[in-house]
PDB file of N, CA and C in Angstrom:
ATOM      1  N   UNK A   1      21.855   2.385   5.255  1.00  0.00           N
ATOM      2  CA  UNK A   1      20.771   2.738   6.150  1.00  0.00           C
ATOM      3  C   UNK A   1      19.604   3.250   5.304  1.00  0.00           C
ATOM      4  N   UNK A   2      18.488   2.559   5.358  1.00  0.00           N
ATOM      5  CA  UNK A   2      17.345   2.931   4.548  1.00  0.00           C
ATOM      6  C   UNK A   2      16.291   3.637   5.386  1.00  0.00           C
ATOM      7  N   UNK A   3      15.754   4.652   4.808  1.00  0.00           N
ATOM      8  CA  UNK A   3      14.676   5.410   5.404  1.00  0.00           C
ATOM      9  C   UNK A   3      13.390   5.023   4.690  1.00  0.00           C
ATOM     10  N   UNK A   4      12.296   4.958   5.437  1.00  0.00           N
ATOM     11  CA  UNK A   4      11.002   4.690   4.825  1.00  0.00           C
ATOM     12  C   UNK A   4      10.132   5.923   5.004  1.00  0.00           C
ATOM     13  N   UNK A   5       9.564   6.365   3.899  1.00  0.00           N
ATOM     14  CA  UNK A   5       8.660   7.512   3.902  1.00  0.00           C
ATOM     15  C   UNK A   5       7.258   6.966   3.666  1.00  0.00           C
ATOM     16  N   UNK A   6       6.373   7.198   4.641  1.00  0.00           N
ATOM     17  CA  UNK A   6       4.985   6.771   4.536  1.00  0.00           C
ATOM     18  C   UNK A   6       4.131   7.989   4.234  1.00  0.00           C
ATOM     19  N   UNK A   7       3.229   7.844   3.291  1.00  0.00           N
ATOM     20  CA  UNK A   7       2.350   8.948   2.957  1.00  0.00           C
ATOM     21  C   UNK A   7       1.393   8.552   1.863  1.00  0.00           C
ATOM     22  N   UNK A   8       0.945   9.543   1.120  1.00  0.00           N
ATOM     23  CA  UNK A   8       0.043   9.322   0.000  1.00  0.00           C
ATOM     24  C   UNK A   8       0.736   9.804  -1.263  1.00  0.00           C
ATOM     25  N   UNK A   9       0.690   8.996  -2.313  1.00  0.00           N
ATOM     26  CA  UNK A   9       1.448   9.334  -3.518  1.00  0.00           C
ATOM     27  C   UNK A   9       0.988  10.632  -4.165  1.00  0.00           C
ATOM     28  N   UNK A  10      -0.258  11.048  -3.944  1.00  0.00           N
ATOM     29  CA  UNK A  10      -0.749  12.293  -4.532  1.00  0.00           C
ATOM     30  C   UNK A  10      -0.653  13.490  -3.606  1.00  0.00           C
ATOM     31  N   UNK A  11      -0.073  13.308  -2.430  1.00  0.00           N
ATOM     32  CA  UNK A  11       0.049  14.382  -1.445  1.00  0.00           C
ATOM     33  C   UNK A  11       1.207  15.313  -1.823  1.00  0.00           C
ATOM     34  N   UNK A  12       0.922  16.606  -1.920  1.00  0.00           N
ATOM     35  CA  UNK A  12       1.961  17.576  -2.286  1.00  0.00           C
ATOM     36  C   UNK A  12       3.101  17.610  -1.272  1.00  0.00           C
ATOM     37  N   UNK A  13       2.787  17.510   0.012  1.00  0.00           N
ATOM     38  CA  UNK A  13       3.831  17.533   1.037  1.00  0.00           C
ATOM     39  C   UNK A  13       4.722  16.299   0.921  1.00  0.00           C
ATOM     40  N   UNK A  14       4.140  15.152   0.642  1.00  0.00           N
ATOM     41  CA  UNK A  14       4.937  13.934   0.459  1.00  0.00           C
ATOM     42  C   UNK A  14       5.830  14.057  -0.767  1.00  0.00           C
ATOM     43  N   UNK A  15       5.306  14.668  -1.818  1.00  0.00           N
ATOM     44  CA  UNK A  15       6.105  14.879  -3.033  1.00  0.00           C
ATOM     45  C   UNK A  15       7.299  15.792  -2.737  1.00  0.00           C
ATOM     46  N   UNK A  16       7.063  16.854  -1.960  1.00  0.00           N
ATOM     47  CA  UNK A  16       8.155  17.763  -1.592  1.00  0.00           C
ATOM     48  C   UNK A  16       9.211  17.017  -0.779  1.00  0.00           C
ATOM     49  N   UNK A  17       8.758  16.178   0.136  1.00  0.00           N
ATOM     50  CA  UNK A  17       9.687  15.436   0.987  1.00  0.00           C
ATOM     51  C   UNK A  17      10.545  14.483   0.157  1.00  0.00           C
ATOM     52  N   UNK A  18       9.919  13.750  -0.757  1.00  0.00           N
ATOM     53  CA  UNK A  18      10.700  12.791  -1.556  1.00  0.00           C
ATOM     54  C   UNK A  18      11.617  13.515  -2.541  1.00  0.00           C
ATOM     55  N   UNK A  19      11.189  14.662  -3.065  1.00  0.00           N
ATOM     56  CA  UNK A  19      12.066  15.445  -3.944  1.00  0.00           C
ATOM     57  C   UNK A  19      13.295  15.927  -3.182  1.00  0.00           C
ATOM     58  N   UNK A  20      13.098  16.323  -1.930  1.00  0.00           N
ATOM     59  CA  UNK A  20      14.212  16.758  -1.091  1.00  0.00           C
ATOM     60  C   UNK A  20      15.195  15.602  -0.886  1.00  0.00           C
ATOM     61  N   UNK A  21      14.665  14.431  -0.559  1.00  0.00           N
ATOM     62  CA  UNK A  21      15.531  13.263  -0.357  1.00  0.00           C
ATOM     63  C   UNK A  21      16.252  12.905  -1.652  1.00  0.00           C
ATOM     64  N   UNK A  22      15.556  12.980  -2.780  1.00  0.00           N
ATOM     65  CA  UNK A  22      16.185  12.713  -4.084  1.00  0.00           C
ATOM     66  C   UNK A  22      17.310  13.712  -4.352  1.00  0.00           C
ATOM     67  N   UNK A  23      17.028  14.988  -4.086  1.00  0.00           N
ATOM     68  CA  UNK A  23      18.001  16.055  -4.349  1.00  0.00           C
ATOM     69  C   UNK A  23      19.312  15.811  -3.589  1.00  0.00           C
ATOM     70  N   UNK A  24      19.200  15.296  -2.365  1.00  0.00           N
ATOM     71  CA  UNK A  24      20.393  15.061  -1.556  1.00  0.00           C
ATOM     72  C   UNK A  24      20.832  13.603  -1.569  1.00  0.00           C
ATOM     73  N   UNK A  25      20.262  12.832  -2.490  1.00  0.00           N
ATOM     74  CA  UNK A  25      20.629  11.425  -2.694  1.00  0.00           C
ATOM     75  C   UNK A  25      20.546  10.605  -1.408  1.00  0.00           C
ATOM     76  N   UNK A  26      19.490  10.837  -0.645  1.00  0.00           N
ATOM     77  CA  UNK A  26      19.224  10.058   0.563  1.00  0.00           C
ATOM     78  C   UNK A  26      18.373   8.861   0.136  1.00  0.00           C
ATOM     79  N   UNK A  27      18.886   7.640   0.333  1.00  0.00           N
ATOM     80  CA  UNK A  27      18.099   6.474  -0.082  1.00  0.00           C
ATOM     81  C   UNK A  27      16.854   6.304   0.793  1.00  0.00           C
ATOM     82  N   UNK A  28      15.742   5.990   0.157  1.00  0.00           N
ATOM     83  CA  UNK A  28      14.499   5.807   0.900  1.00  0.00           C
ATOM     84  C   UNK A  28      13.577   4.882   0.115  1.00  0.00           C
ATOM     85  N   UNK A  29      12.597   4.378   0.811  1.00  0.00           N
ATOM     86  CA  UNK A  29      11.514   3.609   0.216  1.00  0.00           C
ATOM     87  C   UNK A  29      10.234   4.368   0.517  1.00  0.00           C
ATOM     88  N   UNK A  30       9.385   4.528  -0.485  1.00  0.00           N
ATOM     89  CA  UNK A  30       8.112   5.212  -0.276  1.00  0.00           C
ATOM     90  C   UNK A  30       7.011   4.174  -0.156  1.00  0.00           C
ATOM     91  N   UNK A  31       6.173   4.332   0.871  1.00  0.00           N
ATOM     92  CA  UNK A  31       5.041   3.435   1.086  1.00  0.00           C
ATOM     93  C   UNK A  31       3.771   4.278   1.134  1.00  0.00           C
ATOM     94  N   UNK A  32       2.872   4.028   0.198  1.00  0.00           N
ATOM     95  CA  UNK A  32       1.574   4.704   0.205  1.00  0.00           C
ATOM     96  C   UNK A  32       0.701   3.971   1.210  1.00  0.00           C
ATOM     97  N   UNK A  33       0.335   4.647   2.303  1.00  0.00           N
ATOM     98  CA  UNK A  33      -0.378   3.924   3.342  1.00  0.00           C
ATOM     99  C   UNK A  33      -1.875   3.814   3.093  1.00  0.00           C
ATOM    100  N   UNK A  34      -2.318   4.224   1.946  1.00  0.00           N
ATOM    101  CA  UNK A  34      -3.679   3.886   1.542  1.00  0.00           C
ATOM    102  C   UNK A  34      -3.663   2.478   0.937  1.00  0.00           C
ATOM    103  N   UNK A  35      -2.594   2.178   0.232  1.00  0.00           N
ATOM    104  CA  UNK A  35      -2.451   0.867  -0.405  1.00  0.00           C
ATOM    105  C   UNK A  35      -1.886  -0.177   0.553  1.00  0.00           C
ATOM    106  N   UNK A  36      -0.999   0.232   1.423  1.00  0.00           N
ATOM    107  CA  UNK A  36      -0.346  -0.664   2.389  1.00  0.00           C
ATOM    108  C   UNK A  36      -0.563  -0.080   3.783  1.00  0.00           C
ATOM    109  N   UNK A  37      -1.714  -0.390   4.348  1.00  0.00           N
ATOM    110  CA  UNK A  37      -2.092   0.200   5.634  1.00  0.00           C
ATOM    111  C   UNK A  37      -1.134  -0.214   6.743  1.00  0.00           C
ATOM    112  N   UNK A  38      -0.774   0.737   7.601  1.00  0.00           N
ATOM    113  CA  UNK A  38       0.112   0.407   8.724  1.00  0.00           C
ATOM    114  C   UNK A  38      -0.539  -0.636   9.628  1.00  0.00           C
ATOM    115  N   UNK A  39       0.272  -1.527  10.141  1.00  0.00           N
ATOM    116  CA  UNK A  39      -0.231  -2.545  11.060  1.00  0.00           C
ATOM    117  C   UNK A  39      -0.603  -1.885  12.389  1.00  0.00           C
ATOM    118  N   UNK A  40      -1.452  -2.542  13.182  1.00  0.00           N
ATOM    119  CA  UNK A  40      -1.763  -1.985  14.503  1.00  0.00           C
ATOM    120  C   UNK A  40      -0.502  -1.760  15.345  1.00  0.00           C
ATOM    121  N   UNK A  41       0.470  -2.666  15.237  1.00  0.00           N
ATOM    122  CA  UNK A  41       1.724  -2.523  15.993  1.00  0.00           C
ATOM    123  C   UNK A  41       2.494  -1.287  15.541  1.00  0.00           C
ATOM    124  N   UNK A  42       2.501  -1.045  14.237  1.00  0.00           N
ATOM    125  CA  UNK A  42       3.175   0.144  13.703  1.00  0.00           C
ATOM    126  C   UNK A  42       2.495   1.405  14.209  1.00  0.00           C
ATOM    127  N   UNK A  43       1.169   1.415  14.193  1.00  0.00           N
ATOM    128  CA  UNK A  43       0.435   2.583  14.682  1.00  0.00           C
ATOM    129  C   UNK A  43       0.716   2.850  16.156  1.00  0.00           C
ATOM    130  N   UNK A  44       0.814   1.790  16.942  1.00  0.00           N
ATOM    131  CA  UNK A  44       1.133   1.940  18.372  1.00  0.00           C
ATOM    132  C   UNK A  44       2.516   2.561  18.536  1.00  0.00           C
ATOM    133  N   UNK A  45       3.480   2.073  17.749  1.00  0.00           N
ATOM    134  CA  UNK A  45       4.849   2.609  17.814  1.00  0.00           C
ATOM    135  C   UNK A  45       4.868   4.081  17.407  1.00  0.00           C
ATOM    136  N   UNK A  46       4.225   4.414  16.304  1.00  0.00           N
ATOM    137  CA  UNK A  46       4.187   5.806  15.857  1.00  0.00           C
ATOM    138  C   UNK A  46       3.534   6.689  16.902  1.00  0.00           C
ATOM    139  N   UNK A  47       2.430   6.230  17.469  1.00  0.00           N
ATOM    140  CA  UNK A  47       1.734   7.024  18.486  1.00  0.00           C
ATOM    141  C   UNK A  47       2.632   7.257  19.701  1.00  0.00           C
ATOM    142  N   UNK A  48       3.368   6.234  20.106  1.00  0.00           N
ATOM    143  CA  UNK A  48       4.272   6.373  21.254  1.00  0.00           C
ATOM    144  C   UNK A  48       5.337   7.430  20.966  1.00  0.00           C
ATOM    145  N   UNK A  49       5.865   7.424  19.746  1.00  0.00           N
ATOM    146  CA  UNK A  49       6.912   8.396  19.396  1.00  0.00           C
ATOM    147  C   UNK A  49       6.350   9.800  19.175  1.00  0.00           C
ATOM    148  N   UNK A  50       5.099   9.879  18.736  1.00  0.00           N
ATOM    149  CA  UNK A  50       4.489  11.186  18.449  1.00  0.00           C
ATOM    150  C   UNK A  50       3.922  11.858  19.687  1.00  0.00           C
ATOM    151  N   UNK A  51       3.731  11.084  20.768  1.00  0.00           N
ATOM    152  CA  UNK A  51       3.147  11.650  21.976  1.00  0.00           C
ATOM    153  C   UNK A  51       1.676  11.305  22.127  1.00  0.00           C
ATOM    154  N   UNK A  52       1.262  10.222  21.495  1.00  0.00           N
ATOM    155  CA  UNK A  52      -0.128   9.774  21.604  1.00  0.00           C
ATOM    156  C   UNK A  52      -0.828   9.773  20.261  1.00  0.00           C
ATOM    157  N   UNK A  53      -1.900   9.006  20.180  1.00  0.00           N
ATOM    158  CA  UNK A  53      -2.646   8.914  18.923  1.00  0.00           C
ATOM    159  C   UNK A  53      -3.158  10.261  18.421  1.00  0.00           C
ATOM    160  N   UNK A  54      -3.672  11.139  19.287  1.00  0.00           N
ATOM    161  CA  UNK A  54      -4.160  12.426  18.770  1.00  0.00           C
ATOM    162  C   UNK A  54      -3.075  13.221  18.031  1.00  0.00           C
ATOM    163  N   UNK A  55      -1.819  13.045  18.421  1.00  0.00           N
ATOM    164  CA  UNK A  55      -0.729  13.768  17.766  1.00  0.00           C
ATOM    165  C   UNK A  55      -0.471  13.270  16.345  1.00  0.00           C
ATOM    166  N   UNK A  56      -0.944  12.084  16.011  1.00  0.00           N
ATOM    167  CA  UNK A  56      -0.768  11.545  14.659  1.00  0.00           C
ATOM    168  C   UNK A  56      -1.762  12.141  13.662  1.00  0.00           C
ATOM    169  N   UNK A  57      -2.817  12.744  14.154  1.00  0.00           N
ATOM    170  CA  UNK A  57      -3.944  13.141  13.313  1.00  0.00           C
ATOM    171  C   UNK A  57      -3.736  14.494  12.635  1.00  0.00           C
ATOM    172  N   UNK A  58      -4.060  14.525  11.340  1.00  0.00           N
ATOM    173  CA  UNK A  58      -4.090  15.768  10.584  1.00  0.00           C
ATOM    174  C   UNK A  58      -5.505  16.331  10.711  1.00  0.00           C
ATOM    175  N   UNK A  59      -5.695  17.192  11.672  1.00  0.00           N
ATOM    176  CA  UNK A  59      -7.035  17.714  11.971  1.00  0.00           C
ATOM    177  C   UNK A  59      -7.523  18.742  10.950  1.00  0.00           C
ATOM    178  N   UNK A  60      -6.677  19.169  10.062  1.00  0.00           N
ATOM    179  CA  UNK A  60      -7.123  20.106   9.030  1.00  0.00           C
ATOM    180  C   UNK A  60      -7.550  19.388   7.754  1.00  0.00           C
ATOM    181  N   UNK A  61      -7.477  18.067   7.749  1.00  0.00           N
ATOM    182  CA  UNK A  61      -7.845  17.312   6.548  1.00  0.00           C
ATOM    183  C   UNK A  61      -9.356  17.290   6.342  1.00  0.00           C
ATOM    184  N   UNK A  62      -9.736  17.177   5.094  1.00  0.00           N
ATOM    185  CA  UNK A  62     -11.150  17.058   4.746  1.00  0.00           C
ATOM    186  C   UNK A  62     -11.736  15.802   5.378  1.00  0.00           C
ATOM    187  N   UNK A  63     -10.992  14.732   5.370  1.00  0.00           N
ATOM    188  CA  UNK A  63     -11.470  13.475   5.938  1.00  0.00           C
ATOM    189  C   UNK A  63     -11.821  13.657   7.410  1.00  0.00           C
ATOM    190  N   UNK A  64     -10.946  14.323   8.171  1.00  0.00           N
ATOM    191  CA  UNK A  64     -11.199  14.546   9.594  1.00  0.00           C
ATOM    192  C   UNK A  64     -12.453  15.408   9.789  1.00  0.00           C
ATOM    193  N   UNK A  65     -12.548  16.476   9.025  1.00  0.00           N
ATOM    194  CA  UNK A  65     -13.684  17.382   9.177  1.00  0.00           C
ATOM    195  C   UNK A  65     -15.007  16.697   8.840  1.00  0.00           C
ATOM    196  N   UNK A  66     -14.977  15.702   7.955  1.00  0.00           N
ATOM    197  CA  UNK A  66     -16.204  15.020   7.551  1.00  0.00           C
ATOM    198  C   UNK A  66     -16.568  13.836   8.446  1.00  0.00           C
ATOM    199  N   UNK A  67     -15.687  13.477   9.363  1.00  0.00           N
ATOM    200  CA  UNK A  67     -15.992  12.358  10.259  1.00  0.00           C
ATOM    201  C   UNK A  67     -17.109  12.733  11.230  1.00  0.00           C
ATOM    202  N   UNK A  68     -17.962  11.780  11.572  1.00  0.00           N
ATOM    203  CA  UNK A  68     -18.948  12.046  12.617  1.00  0.00           C
ATOM    204  C   UNK A  68     -18.242  12.329  13.944  1.00  0.00           C
ATOM    205  N   UNK A  69     -18.841  13.157  14.760  1.00  0.00           N
ATOM    206  CA  UNK A  69     -18.223  13.558  16.027  1.00  0.00           C
ATOM    207  C   UNK A  69     -17.857  12.363  16.910  1.00  0.00           C
ATOM    208  N   UNK A  70     -18.692  11.325  16.905  1.00  0.00           N
ATOM    209  CA  UNK A  70     -18.387  10.178  17.761  1.00  0.00           C
ATOM    210  C   UNK A  70     -17.114   9.452  17.316  1.00  0.00           C
ATOM    211  N   UNK A  71     -16.773   9.503  16.024  1.00  0.00           N
ATOM    212  CA  UNK A  71     -15.527   8.886  15.550  1.00  0.00           C
ATOM    213  C   UNK A  71     -14.316   9.739  15.933  1.00  0.00           C
ATOM    214  N   UNK A  72     -14.498  11.048  15.987  1.00  0.00           N
ATOM    215  CA  UNK A  72     -13.415  11.957  16.375  1.00  0.00           C
ATOM    216  C   UNK A  72     -13.099  11.836  17.860  1.00  0.00           C
ATOM    217  N   UNK A  73     -14.036  11.307  18.619  1.00  0.00           N
ATOM    218  CA  UNK A  73     -13.882  11.227  20.068  1.00  0.00           C
ATOM    219  C   UNK A  73     -13.298   9.891  20.514  1.00  0.00           C
ATOM    220  N   UNK A  74     -12.491   9.271  19.663  1.00  0.00           N
ATOM    221  CA  UNK A  74     -11.863   7.998  20.042  1.00  0.00           C
ATOM    222  C   UNK A  74     -11.110   8.197  21.348  1.00  0.00           C
ATOM    223  N   UNK A  75     -11.318   7.288  22.299  1.00  0.00           N
ATOM    224  CA  UNK A  75     -10.650   7.463  23.587  1.00  0.00           C
ATOM    225  C   UNK A  75      -9.934   6.213  24.062  1.00  0.00           C
ATOM    226  N   UNK A  76      -9.783   5.248  23.169  1.00  0.00           N
ATOM    227  CA  UNK A  76      -9.025   4.063  23.545  1.00  0.00           C
ATOM    228  C   UNK A  76      -8.070   3.723  22.405  1.00  0.00           C
ATOM    229  N   UNK A  77      -7.026   3.009  22.753  1.00  0.00           N
ATOM    230  CA  UNK A  77      -6.061   2.588  21.749  1.00  0.00           C
ATOM    231  C   UNK A  77      -6.760   1.791  20.639  1.00  0.00           C
ATOM    232  N   UNK A  78      -7.683   0.927  21.011  1.00  0.00           N
ATOM    233  CA  UNK A  78      -8.394   0.103  20.027  1.00  0.00           C
ATOM    234  C   UNK A  78      -9.192   0.974  19.052  1.00  0.00           C
ATOM    235  N   UNK A  79      -9.865   2.009  19.574  1.00  0.00           N
ATOM    236  CA  UNK A  79     -10.647   2.888  18.699  1.00  0.00           C
ATOM    237  C   UNK A  79      -9.739   3.672  17.746  1.00  0.00           C
ATOM    238  N   UNK A  80      -8.610   4.159  18.248  1.00  0.00           N
ATOM    239  CA  UNK A  80      -7.669   4.892  17.397  1.00  0.00           C
ATOM    240  C   UNK A  80      -7.107   3.984  16.309  1.00  0.00           C
ATOM    241  N   UNK A  81      -6.709   2.777  16.685  1.00  0.00           N
ATOM    242  CA  UNK A  81      -6.158   1.848  15.684  1.00  0.00           C
ATOM    243  C   UNK A  81      -7.190   1.558  14.603  1.00  0.00           C
ATOM    244  N   UNK A  82      -8.416   1.321  15.004  1.00  0.00           N
ATOM    245  CA  UNK A  82      -9.485   1.042  14.049  1.00  0.00           C
ATOM    246  C   UNK A  82      -9.698   2.238  13.120  1.00  0.00           C
ATOM    247  N   UNK A  83      -9.759   3.430  13.688  1.00  0.00           N
ATOM    248  CA  UNK A  83      -9.968   4.649  12.908  1.00  0.00           C
ATOM    249  C   UNK A  83      -8.842   4.854  11.893  1.00  0.00           C
ATOM    250  N   UNK A  84      -7.599   4.705  12.327  1.00  0.00           N
ATOM    251  CA  UNK A  84      -6.465   4.957  11.439  1.00  0.00           C
ATOM    252  C   UNK A  84      -6.257   3.844  10.417  1.00  0.00           C
ATOM    253  N   UNK A  85      -6.697   2.649  10.724  1.00  0.00           N
ATOM    254  CA  UNK A  85      -6.643   1.578   9.720  1.00  0.00           C
ATOM    255  C   UNK A  85      -7.740   1.809   8.678  1.00  0.00           C
ATOM    256  N   UNK A  86      -8.883   2.317   9.124  1.00  0.00           N
ATOM    257  CA  UNK A  86      -9.983   2.587   8.200  1.00  0.00           C
ATOM    258  C   UNK A  86      -9.707   3.824   7.352  1.00  0.00           C
ATOM    259  N   UNK A  87      -9.109   4.842   7.961  1.00  0.00           N
ATOM    260  CA  UNK A  87      -8.820   6.112   7.286  1.00  0.00           C
ATOM    261  C   UNK A  87      -7.340   6.471   7.450  1.00  0.00           C
ATOM    262  N   UNK A  88      -6.437   5.771   6.781  1.00  0.00           N
ATOM    263  CA  UNK A  88      -5.009   6.079   6.952  1.00  0.00           C
ATOM    264  C   UNK A  88      -4.651   7.496   6.510  1.00  0.00           C
ATOM    265  N   UNK A  89      -5.490   8.086   5.648  1.00  0.00           N
ATOM    266  CA  UNK A  89      -5.220   9.452   5.197  1.00  0.00           C
ATOM    267  C   UNK A  89      -5.351  10.476   6.322  1.00  0.00           C
ATOM    268  N   UNK A  90      -5.840  10.062   7.484  1.00  0.00           N
ATOM    269  CA  UNK A  90      -5.909  10.965   8.644  1.00  0.00           C
ATOM    270  C   UNK A  90      -4.542  11.210   9.270  1.00  0.00           C
ATOM    271  N   UNK A  91      -3.588  10.335   8.980  1.00  0.00           N
ATOM    272  CA  UNK A  91      -2.257  10.450   9.587  1.00  0.00           C
ATOM    273  C   UNK A  91      -1.518  11.628   8.957  1.00  0.00           C
ATOM    274  N   UNK A  92      -0.966  12.497   9.805  1.00  0.00           N
ATOM    275  CA  UNK A  92      -0.148  13.623   9.334  1.00  0.00           C
ATOM    276  C   UNK A  92       0.967  13.085   8.461  1.00  0.00           C
ATOM    277  N   UNK A  93       1.205  13.758   7.339  1.00  0.00           N
ATOM    278  CA  UNK A  93       2.188  13.231   6.410  1.00  0.00           C
ATOM    279  C   UNK A  93       3.281  14.228   6.096  1.00  0.00           C
ATOM    280  N   UNK A  94       4.382  13.673   5.651  1.00  0.00           N
ATOM    281  CA  UNK A  94       4.728  12.262   5.637  1.00  0.00           C
ATOM    282  C   UNK A  94       5.191  11.788   7.007  1.00  0.00           C
ATOM    283  N   UNK A  95       5.123  10.489   7.183  1.00  0.00           N
ATOM    284  CA  UNK A  95       5.741   9.844   8.339  1.00  0.00           C
ATOM    285  C   UNK A  95       7.068   9.306   7.831  1.00  0.00           C
ATOM    286  N   UNK A  96       8.151   9.685   8.487  1.00  0.00           N
ATOM    287  CA  UNK A  96       9.481   9.271   8.061  1.00  0.00           C
ATOM    288  C   UNK A  96      10.096   8.429   9.165  1.00  0.00           C
ATOM    289  N   UNK A  97      10.471   7.204   8.813  1.00  0.00           N
ATOM    290  CA  UNK A  97      11.052   6.284   9.785  1.00  0.00           C
ATOM    291  C   UNK A  97      12.434   5.884   9.288  1.00  0.00           C
ATOM    292  N   UNK A  98      13.433   6.183  10.090  1.00  0.00           N
ATOM    293  CA  UNK A  98      14.802   5.804   9.727  1.00  0.00           C
ATOM    294  C   UNK A  98      15.062   4.356  10.139  1.00  0.00           C
ATOM    295  N   UNK A  99      16.167   3.810   9.667  1.00  0.00           N
ATOM    296  CA  UNK A  99      16.497   2.407   9.920  1.00  0.00           C
ATOM    297  C   UNK A  99      16.555   2.079  11.410  1.00  0.00           C
ATOM    298  N   UNK A 100      16.890   3.076  12.232  1.00  0.00           N
ATOM    299  CA  UNK A 100      16.965   2.830  13.676  1.00  0.00           C
ATOM    300  C   UNK A 100      15.592   2.902  14.346  1.00  0.00           C
ATOM    301  N   UNK A 101      14.527   3.111  13.539  1.00  0.00           N
ATOM    302  CA  UNK A 101      13.172   3.110  14.071  1.00  0.00           C
ATOM    303  C   UNK A 101      12.659   4.461  14.527  1.00  0.00           C
ATOM    304  N   UNK A 102      13.478   5.509  14.418  1.00  0.00           N
ATOM    305  CA  UNK A 102      13.053   6.840  14.844  1.00  0.00           C
ATOM    306  C   UNK A 102      12.072   7.407  13.820  1.00  0.00           C
ATOM    307  N   UNK A 103      10.917   7.882  14.315  1.00  0.00           N
ATOM    308  CA  UNK A 103       9.851   8.389  13.476  1.00  0.00           C
ATOM    309  C   UNK A 103       9.667   9.882  13.681  1.00  0.00           C
ATOM    310  N   UNK A 104       9.475  10.574  12.555  1.00  0.00           N
ATOM    311  CA  UNK A 104       9.078  11.983  12.596  1.00  0.00           C
ATOM    312  C   UNK A 104       7.938  12.169  11.599  1.00  0.00           C
ATOM    313  N   UNK A 105       7.201  13.249  11.784  1.00  0.00           N
ATOM    314  CA  UNK A 105       6.085  13.557  10.894  1.00  0.00           C
ATOM    315  C   UNK A 105       6.267  14.928  10.293  1.00  0.00           C
ATOM    316  N   UNK A 106       5.719  15.085   9.100  1.00  0.00           N
ATOM    317  CA  UNK A 106       5.730  16.378   8.443  1.00  0.00           C
ATOM    318  C   UNK A 106       6.999  16.605   7.645  1.00  0.00           C
ATOM    319  N   UNK A 107       7.011  17.725   6.941  1.00  0.00           N
ATOM    320  CA  UNK A 107       8.167  18.055   6.118  1.00  0.00           C
ATOM    321  C   UNK A 107       8.475  19.533   6.218  1.00  0.00           C
ATOM    322  N   UNK A 108       9.752  19.802   6.363  1.00  0.00           N
ATOM    323  CA  UNK A 108      10.289  21.142   6.127  1.00  0.00           C
ATOM    324  C   UNK A 108      11.676  20.919   5.555  1.00  0.00           C
ATOM    325  N   UNK A 109      12.043  21.754   4.622  1.00  0.00           N
ATOM    326  CA  UNK A 109      13.341  21.603   3.960  1.00  0.00           C
ATOM    327  C   UNK A 109      14.470  21.625   4.993  1.00  0.00           C
ATOM    328  N   UNK A 110      14.439  22.610   5.888  1.00  0.00           N
ATOM    329  CA  UNK A 110      15.490  22.713   6.905  1.00  0.00           C
ATOM    330  C   UNK A 110      15.462  21.528   7.866  1.00  0.00           C
ATOM    331  N   UNK A 111      14.260  21.072   8.225  1.00  0.00           N
ATOM    332  CA  UNK A 111      14.134  19.927   9.116  1.00  0.00           C
ATOM    333  C   UNK A 111      14.741  18.672   8.508  1.00  0.00           C
ATOM    334  N   UNK A 112      14.500  18.456   7.221  1.00  0.00           N
ATOM    335  CA  UNK A 112      15.069  17.279   6.554  1.00  0.00           C
ATOM    336  C   UNK A 112      16.587  17.422   6.430  1.00  0.00           C
ATOM    337  N   UNK A 113      17.061  18.618   6.098  1.00  0.00           N
ATOM    338  CA  UNK A 113      18.507  18.831   5.989  1.00  0.00           C
ATOM    339  C   UNK A 113      19.181  18.499   7.312  1.00  0.00           C
ATOM    340  N   UNK A 114      18.569  18.944   8.406  1.00  0.00           N
ATOM    341  CA  UNK A 114      19.137  18.690   9.721  1.00  0.00           C
ATOM    342  C   UNK A 114      19.052  17.204  10.068  1.00  0.00           C
ATOM    343  N   UNK A 115      17.900  16.610   9.842  1.00  0.00           N
ATOM    344  CA  UNK A 115      17.717  15.191  10.202  1.00  0.00           C
ATOM    345  C   UNK A 115      18.679  14.282   9.446  1.00  0.00           C
ATOM    346  N   UNK A 116      18.875  14.564   8.162  1.00  0.00           N
ATOM    347  CA  UNK A 116      19.711  13.679   7.337  1.00  0.00           C
ATOM    348  C   UNK A 116      21.138  14.193   7.139  1.00  0.00           C
ATOM    349  N   UNK A 117      21.456  15.332   7.761  1.00  0.00           N
ATOM    350  CA  UNK A 117      22.823  15.850   7.701  1.00  0.00           C
ATOM    351  C   UNK A 117      23.274  16.186   6.287  1.00  0.00           C
ATOM    352  N   UNK A 118      22.386  16.814   5.527  1.00  0.00           N
ATOM    353  CA  UNK A 118      22.690  17.155   4.132  1.00  0.00           C
ATOM    354  C   UNK A 118      22.472  18.637   3.889  1.00  0.00           C
ATOM    355  N   UNK A 119      23.048  19.139   2.803  1.00  0.00           N
ATOM    356  CA  UNK A 119      22.790  20.492   2.359  1.00  0.00           C
ATOM    357  C   UNK A 119      23.263  21.609   3.254  1.00  0.00           C
ATOM    358  N   UNK A 120      24.158  21.301   4.178  1.00  0.00           N
ATOM    359  CA  UNK A 120      24.611  22.341   5.100  1.00  0.00           C
ATOM    360  C   UNK A 120      25.671  23.215   4.485  1.00  0.00           C
TER     361      UNK A 120
END
């Protein structure tokens, strides 16, 4: 069963997440979503699991704060997909998708231990 970790290779939180998976020998594939942008279908799936497109957004990021207000006010699926394809770094990281398609966002040591059943 392979897990895919989506994020940015220079992101400290993504590094912590992959180090945790390495420490517990959880097999995974890392995908830098700046280099390999998520497809519109993937973004729709992630948004559905996260509770909507706004839930995918890292609102504390520099990129978000520098966006013009009209771009922050996306109100349709098409606008959100366009925004996240243009600025994938807006997506809260890491995005972790297990082989069964279940997606979670963010990292905490205890959360990963619980999700992957390790380190107990």
